[in-house]
Amino acid sequence: CASADPKRPQEALDALCASASDALNGGHADDMAQALAAPHLAEAIMIGAGESHVFLRSQHDAQDALFCSFDGPADLTASIAASRSALDRIAAG
C-alpha cells in the first residue's frame, strides 16, 4: 500500500520488497508451504516494534504480490481481505 505519511525513502521501500520476497519465497517460506501441503506460501505477516507488514501472493498469478506496511495498530484481518480484493481486481484487469 503506497499511502504513507510521511513518505518512506526509496531505500526503505526496496528493503520492504526484499523482505516480502524473502517472506514469500525464501527457504522458510518453502518449509512452511511444504508443512501446509501448499505449492507456495500465500501470505506472511511480520509484526515488530510499532509496525507490522503484510505480504500477500496473488491467488491468480504466483508472480504477483502485494505488501502493506502499518505504523501503529491495524486491523490485519480487514487489511488482508481488502488486499486480497485488490489483487483479485488487478488480476481481472
N, C-alpha and C. Protein backbone atom coordinates (compact mmCIF):
# COMPACT_ATOMS: atom_id res chain seq x y z
N CYS A 1 0.86 -1.17 0.00
CA CYS A 1 0.00 0.00 0.00
C CYS A 1 0.90 1.22 0.00
N ALA A 2 0.63 2.14 -0.86
CA ALA A 2 1.57 3.22 -1.07
C ALA A 2 1.14 4.54 -0.45
N SER A 3 0.16 4.57 0.40
CA SER A 3 -0.22 5.82 1.02
C SER A 3 0.35 5.88 2.43
N ALA A 4 1.36 6.68 2.58
CA ALA A 4 2.02 6.79 3.88
C ALA A 4 2.27 8.25 4.19
N ASP A 5 2.27 8.57 5.44
CA ASP A 5 2.57 9.93 5.86
C ASP A 5 3.46 9.84 7.08
N PRO A 6 4.70 10.17 7.06
CA PRO A 6 5.42 10.71 5.90
C PRO A 6 5.81 9.61 4.91
N LYS A 7 6.16 10.02 3.70
CA LYS A 7 6.56 9.08 2.67
C LYS A 7 7.88 8.42 3.07
N ARG A 8 7.99 7.13 2.77
CA ARG A 8 9.23 6.40 3.06
C ARG A 8 10.22 6.61 1.93
N PRO A 9 11.51 6.68 2.25
CA PRO A 9 12.50 6.80 1.18
C PRO A 9 12.55 5.53 0.34
N GLN A 10 13.00 5.65 -0.91
CA GLN A 10 13.05 4.52 -1.82
C GLN A 10 13.83 3.36 -1.23
N GLU A 11 14.89 3.64 -0.49
CA GLU A 11 15.70 2.57 0.11
C GLU A 11 14.89 1.73 1.08
N ALA A 12 14.00 2.39 1.83
CA ALA A 12 13.14 1.66 2.77
C ALA A 12 12.14 0.79 2.02
N LEU A 13 11.59 1.32 0.91
CA LEU A 13 10.68 0.52 0.10
C LEU A 13 11.39 -0.66 -0.54
N ASP A 14 12.63 -0.45 -0.99
CA ASP A 14 13.42 -1.54 -1.55
C ASP A 14 13.66 -2.63 -0.51
N ALA A 15 13.94 -2.23 0.73
CA ALA A 15 14.16 -3.19 1.82
C ALA A 15 12.88 -3.98 2.11
N LEU A 16 11.73 -3.30 2.07
CA LEU A 16 10.46 -3.98 2.28
C LEU A 16 10.17 -4.97 1.14
N CYS A 17 10.50 -4.58 -0.09
CA CYS A 17 10.32 -5.51 -1.22
C CYS A 17 11.20 -6.75 -1.04
N ALA A 18 12.42 -6.55 -0.58
CA ALA A 18 13.31 -7.69 -0.32
C ALA A 18 12.76 -8.56 0.80
N SER A 19 12.20 -7.94 1.84
CA SER A 19 11.59 -8.70 2.93
C SER A 19 10.38 -9.49 2.43
N ALA A 20 9.58 -8.87 1.57
CA ALA A 20 8.41 -9.56 1.01
C ALA A 20 8.85 -10.76 0.19
N SER A 21 9.87 -10.58 -0.62
CA SER A 21 10.37 -11.69 -1.44
C SER A 21 10.89 -12.82 -0.57
N ASP A 22 11.63 -12.47 0.46
CA ASP A 22 12.16 -13.49 1.36
C ASP A 22 11.03 -14.19 2.12
N ALA A 23 10.05 -13.40 2.58
CA ALA A 23 8.94 -13.98 3.35
C ALA A 23 8.11 -14.93 2.51
N LEU A 24 7.93 -14.62 1.23
CA LEU A 24 7.07 -15.45 0.38
C LEU A 24 7.83 -16.50 -0.44
N ASN A 25 9.14 -16.29 -0.62
CA ASN A 25 9.90 -17.17 -1.50
C ASN A 25 11.15 -17.78 -0.88
N GLY A 26 11.55 -17.31 0.29
CA GLY A 26 12.78 -17.80 0.91
C GLY A 26 12.64 -19.22 1.43
N GLY A 27 13.73 -19.73 1.95
CA GLY A 27 13.76 -21.10 2.44
C GLY A 27 12.73 -21.41 3.50
N HIS A 28 12.51 -20.48 4.41
CA HIS A 28 11.50 -20.71 5.45
C HIS A 28 10.10 -20.76 4.84
N ALA A 29 9.87 -19.94 3.80
CA ALA A 29 8.57 -19.97 3.12
C ALA A 29 8.35 -21.33 2.47
N ASP A 30 9.38 -21.87 1.86
CA ASP A 30 9.27 -23.20 1.25
C ASP A 30 8.96 -24.25 2.30
N ASP A 31 9.63 -24.16 3.44
CA ASP A 31 9.38 -25.10 4.53
C ASP A 31 7.94 -25.02 5.03
N MET A 32 7.44 -23.78 5.19
CA MET A 32 6.07 -23.59 5.65
C MET A 32 5.07 -24.11 4.62
N ALA A 33 5.31 -23.81 3.35
CA ALA A 33 4.40 -24.28 2.30
C ALA A 33 4.36 -25.81 2.28
N GLN A 34 5.51 -26.43 2.43
CA GLN A 34 5.56 -27.89 2.44
C GLN A 34 4.78 -28.43 3.64
N ALA A 35 4.95 -27.81 4.81
CA ALA A 35 4.24 -28.25 6.01
C ALA A 35 2.73 -28.09 5.85
N LEU A 36 2.32 -27.08 5.07
CA LEU A 36 0.90 -26.83 4.84
C LEU A 36 0.37 -27.57 3.62
N ALA A 37 1.25 -28.36 2.98
CA ALA A 37 0.90 -29.09 1.74
C ALA A 37 0.37 -28.13 0.68
N ALA A 38 1.02 -27.00 0.56
CA ALA A 38 0.64 -25.98 -0.42
C ALA A 38 1.77 -25.82 -1.44
N PRO A 39 1.45 -25.40 -2.66
CA PRO A 39 2.50 -25.21 -3.66
C PRO A 39 3.45 -24.06 -3.31
N HIS A 40 2.94 -23.07 -2.60
CA HIS A 40 3.75 -21.92 -2.17
C HIS A 40 3.03 -21.21 -1.03
N LEU A 41 3.77 -20.41 -0.31
CA LEU A 41 3.19 -19.66 0.80
C LEU A 41 2.36 -18.51 0.22
N ALA A 42 1.12 -18.36 0.66
CA ALA A 42 0.22 -17.35 0.12
C ALA A 42 0.29 -16.02 0.86
N GLU A 43 0.68 -16.03 2.13
CA GLU A 43 0.76 -14.78 2.88
C GLU A 43 1.72 -14.93 4.04
N ALA A 44 2.25 -13.79 4.45
CA ALA A 44 3.12 -13.74 5.62
C ALA A 44 2.87 -12.42 6.33
N ILE A 45 2.93 -12.46 7.64
CA ILE A 45 2.74 -11.26 8.45
C ILE A 45 3.94 -11.11 9.36
N MET A 46 4.54 -9.94 9.35
CA MET A 46 5.65 -9.64 10.25
C MET A 46 5.21 -8.51 11.17
N ILE A 47 5.34 -8.73 12.47
CA ILE A 47 4.95 -7.72 13.45
C ILE A 47 6.18 -7.36 14.27
N GLY A 48 6.49 -6.08 14.31
CA GLY A 48 7.65 -5.61 15.05
C GLY A 48 7.27 -4.46 15.95
N ALA A 49 8.27 -3.83 16.50
CA ALA A 49 8.05 -2.71 17.41
C ALA A 49 7.43 -1.53 16.66
N GLY A 50 6.14 -1.32 16.89
CA GLY A 50 5.47 -0.16 16.33
C GLY A 50 5.02 -0.27 14.89
N GLU A 51 5.30 -1.39 14.22
CA GLU A 51 4.83 -1.53 12.86
C GLU A 51 4.59 -2.99 12.51
N SER A 52 3.78 -3.19 11.49
CA SER A 52 3.52 -4.55 11.01
C SER A 52 3.51 -4.51 9.49
N HIS A 53 3.83 -5.66 8.89
CA HIS A 53 3.88 -5.78 7.44
C HIS A 53 3.09 -7.02 7.04
N VAL A 54 2.28 -6.87 6.01
CA VAL A 54 1.51 -7.98 5.46
C VAL A 54 1.98 -8.19 4.03
N PHE A 55 2.38 -9.42 3.71
CA PHE A 55 2.84 -9.78 2.38
C PHE A 55 1.86 -10.82 1.83
N LEU A 56 1.27 -10.55 0.67
CA LEU A 56 0.28 -11.45 0.08
C LEU A 56 0.67 -11.81 -1.35
N ARG A 57 0.61 -13.09 -1.67
CA ARG A 57 0.81 -13.55 -3.04
C ARG A 57 -0.55 -13.67 -3.71
N SER A 58 -0.63 -13.29 -4.97
CA SER A 58 -1.88 -13.41 -5.72
C SER A 58 -2.28 -14.87 -5.85
N GLN A 59 -3.57 -15.12 -5.73
CA GLN A 59 -4.09 -16.47 -5.93
C GLN A 59 -4.24 -16.78 -7.42
N HIS A 60 -4.08 -15.76 -8.26
CA HIS A 60 -4.25 -15.92 -9.71
C HIS A 60 -2.92 -16.08 -10.43
N ASP A 61 -1.90 -15.41 -9.96
CA ASP A 61 -0.57 -15.47 -10.57
C ASP A 61 0.46 -15.43 -9.45
N ALA A 62 1.15 -16.53 -9.27
CA ALA A 62 2.10 -16.66 -8.15
C ALA A 62 3.24 -15.64 -8.23
N GLN A 63 3.41 -15.00 -9.38
CA GLN A 63 4.46 -13.99 -9.52
C GLN A 63 4.02 -12.61 -9.04
N ASP A 64 2.73 -12.43 -8.83
CA ASP A 64 2.21 -11.15 -8.36
C ASP A 64 2.03 -11.18 -6.85
N ALA A 65 2.39 -10.08 -6.21
CA ALA A 65 2.24 -9.98 -4.77
C ALA A 65 1.95 -8.53 -4.39
N LEU A 66 1.50 -8.36 -3.17
CA LEU A 66 1.18 -7.05 -2.63
C LEU A 66 1.67 -7.02 -1.20
N PHE A 67 2.24 -5.90 -0.80
CA PHE A 67 2.57 -5.78 0.62
C PHE A 67 2.04 -4.47 1.16
N CYS A 68 1.65 -4.53 2.42
CA CYS A 68 1.18 -3.35 3.13
C CYS A 68 1.99 -3.22 4.42
N SER A 69 2.30 -2.00 4.74
CA SER A 69 3.07 -1.70 5.94
C SER A 69 2.24 -0.75 6.80
N PHE A 70 2.15 -1.05 8.09
CA PHE A 70 1.34 -0.25 9.01
C PHE A 70 2.19 0.23 10.17
N ASP A 71 2.12 1.52 10.43
CA ASP A 71 2.73 2.09 11.63
C ASP A 71 1.61 2.19 12.66
N GLY A 72 1.78 1.53 13.78
CA GLY A 72 0.76 1.57 14.81
C GLY A 72 -0.27 0.48 14.63
N PRO A 73 -1.35 0.54 15.38
CA PRO A 73 -2.36 -0.52 15.35
C PRO A 73 -3.06 -0.59 14.00
N ALA A 74 -3.41 -1.82 13.59
CA ALA A 74 -4.13 -2.02 12.34
C ALA A 74 -5.01 -3.26 12.48
N ASP A 75 -6.12 -3.25 11.79
CA ASP A 75 -6.98 -4.42 11.73
C ASP A 75 -6.45 -5.30 10.61
N LEU A 76 -5.58 -6.25 10.96
CA LEU A 76 -4.92 -7.07 9.95
C LEU A 76 -5.90 -7.95 9.19
N THR A 77 -6.94 -8.43 9.85
CA THR A 77 -7.93 -9.27 9.16
C THR A 77 -8.61 -8.47 8.05
N ALA A 78 -9.04 -7.27 8.35
CA ALA A 78 -9.68 -6.42 7.34
C ALA A 78 -8.68 -6.00 6.27
N SER A 79 -7.46 -5.74 6.66
CA SER A 79 -6.42 -5.34 5.70
C SER A 79 -6.11 -6.47 4.73
N ILE A 80 -6.04 -7.68 5.24
CA ILE A 80 -5.77 -8.83 4.36
C ILE A 80 -6.94 -9.02 3.39
N ALA A 81 -8.16 -8.91 3.87
CA ALA A 81 -9.33 -9.05 3.00
C ALA A 81 -9.33 -7.98 1.91
N ALA A 82 -9.05 -6.74 2.27
CA ALA A 82 -9.01 -5.65 1.29
C ALA A 82 -7.87 -5.85 0.30
N SER A 83 -6.75 -6.33 0.79
CA SER A 83 -5.60 -6.57 -0.09
C SER A 83 -5.88 -7.70 -1.06
N ARG A 84 -6.51 -8.77 -0.57
CA ARG A 84 -6.89 -9.89 -1.44
C ARG A 84 -7.84 -9.40 -2.54
N SER A 85 -8.79 -8.55 -2.15
CA SER A 85 -9.73 -7.98 -3.12
C SER A 85 -8.99 -7.16 -4.17
N ALA A 86 -8.02 -6.37 -3.72
CA ALA A 86 -7.22 -5.56 -4.67
C ALA A 86 -6.46 -6.46 -5.63
N LEU A 87 -5.85 -7.52 -5.13
CA LEU A 87 -5.14 -8.46 -6.01
C LEU A 87 -6.09 -9.10 -7.02
N ASP A 88 -7.29 -9.43 -6.58
CA ASP A 88 -8.29 -10.00 -7.49
C ASP A 88 -8.65 -9.02 -8.60
N ARG A 89 -8.83 -7.75 -8.22
CA ARG A 89 -9.15 -6.72 -9.23
C ARG A 89 -8.00 -6.53 -10.21
N ILE A 90 -6.77 -6.57 -9.72
CA ILE A 90 -5.60 -6.43 -10.59
C ILE A 90 -5.55 -7.60 -11.57
N ALA A 91 -5.80 -8.80 -11.08
CA ALA A 91 -5.76 -9.98 -11.94
C ALA A 91 -6.87 -9.94 -13.00
N ALA A 92 -8.01 -9.36 -12.63
CA ALA A 92 -9.14 -9.30 -13.56
C ALA A 92 -8.89 -8.27 -14.67
N GLY A 93 -7.91 -7.37 -14.44
CA GLY A 93 -7.57 -6.38 -15.45
C GLY A 93 -8.44 -5.19 -15.33
